[in-house]
Amino acid sequence: MVRLARDVLPPQALALAKGGARIGLLGGSFNPAHEAHLHISLIALRRLKLDAVWWLVSPQNPLKSDAGMAPLERRLARARDVAARPNIFATAIEASLGTRFTIDTLSVLKRKFPKARFVWLMGSDNLAEFHRWHRWEDIAKAVPMAVIARPRFTTRALASPAAQQLRGARKDVAEAATLAEQEPPAWVFIQERLNPASATAIRARGVWR
């Protein structure tokens, strides 16, 4: 049995997972966390009727270079400052679990919290590249997914190889509130007011090093 470090998630987050809550999982480098991460999370909480969202601050994204990557501790601290909501929890749980790939993290979380109803959250910029993720098809089969529109990525995301292959599993956005109960593969695309913030732009301005 995998044991979680005490400071990975607060007791209230663990209690929700053990009790069968609906939990959105938003993974990424968070280098740095910014308003768009919060924007996506708030939309997901409302539209998917989630009980909580966990930000999975990755030790190192396998698809990104470690050049310019801030230390995990700093990225986690920033994520917790930006989240600043009682039902959004930033965690470095992957470092505790020793998992590198999303599919491995999901496998452990589902085994650790069998009652929880996890939903994978991503911006449409990630859907555009989803086919490059390690065992992405297994991720889609593991948990329902919600894709939140990001500026300039709607057309590219919906035309991506992953979206095309999973087009039969796409649900009407009217079903978003029940997505957590649906058998995967199942996903929705949610288009709301766009938030233009991006970690790349923040780093380019030299305000995060």
Foldseek 3Di string as FASTA:
>chain_A
DQDFDPPQWDPVVVVCLQVQFEEEEEEDQCLPPDDQVLVQQVCLCPLQVGQAYEYANEQDQPVDDCVSRDGSVVRQVRNCVNNPDPRYHYGPRCVSVVDHAPLVVLVVSCVVRVNYQYEYEEELVCLLVLVVGDPSVVVLQRHEYEYEYAPPRPVSNCPHPVNVVCVVQEDESVCSNVRSVDHGSHYYYDYDDHDHDDSVVCVVVVPRD
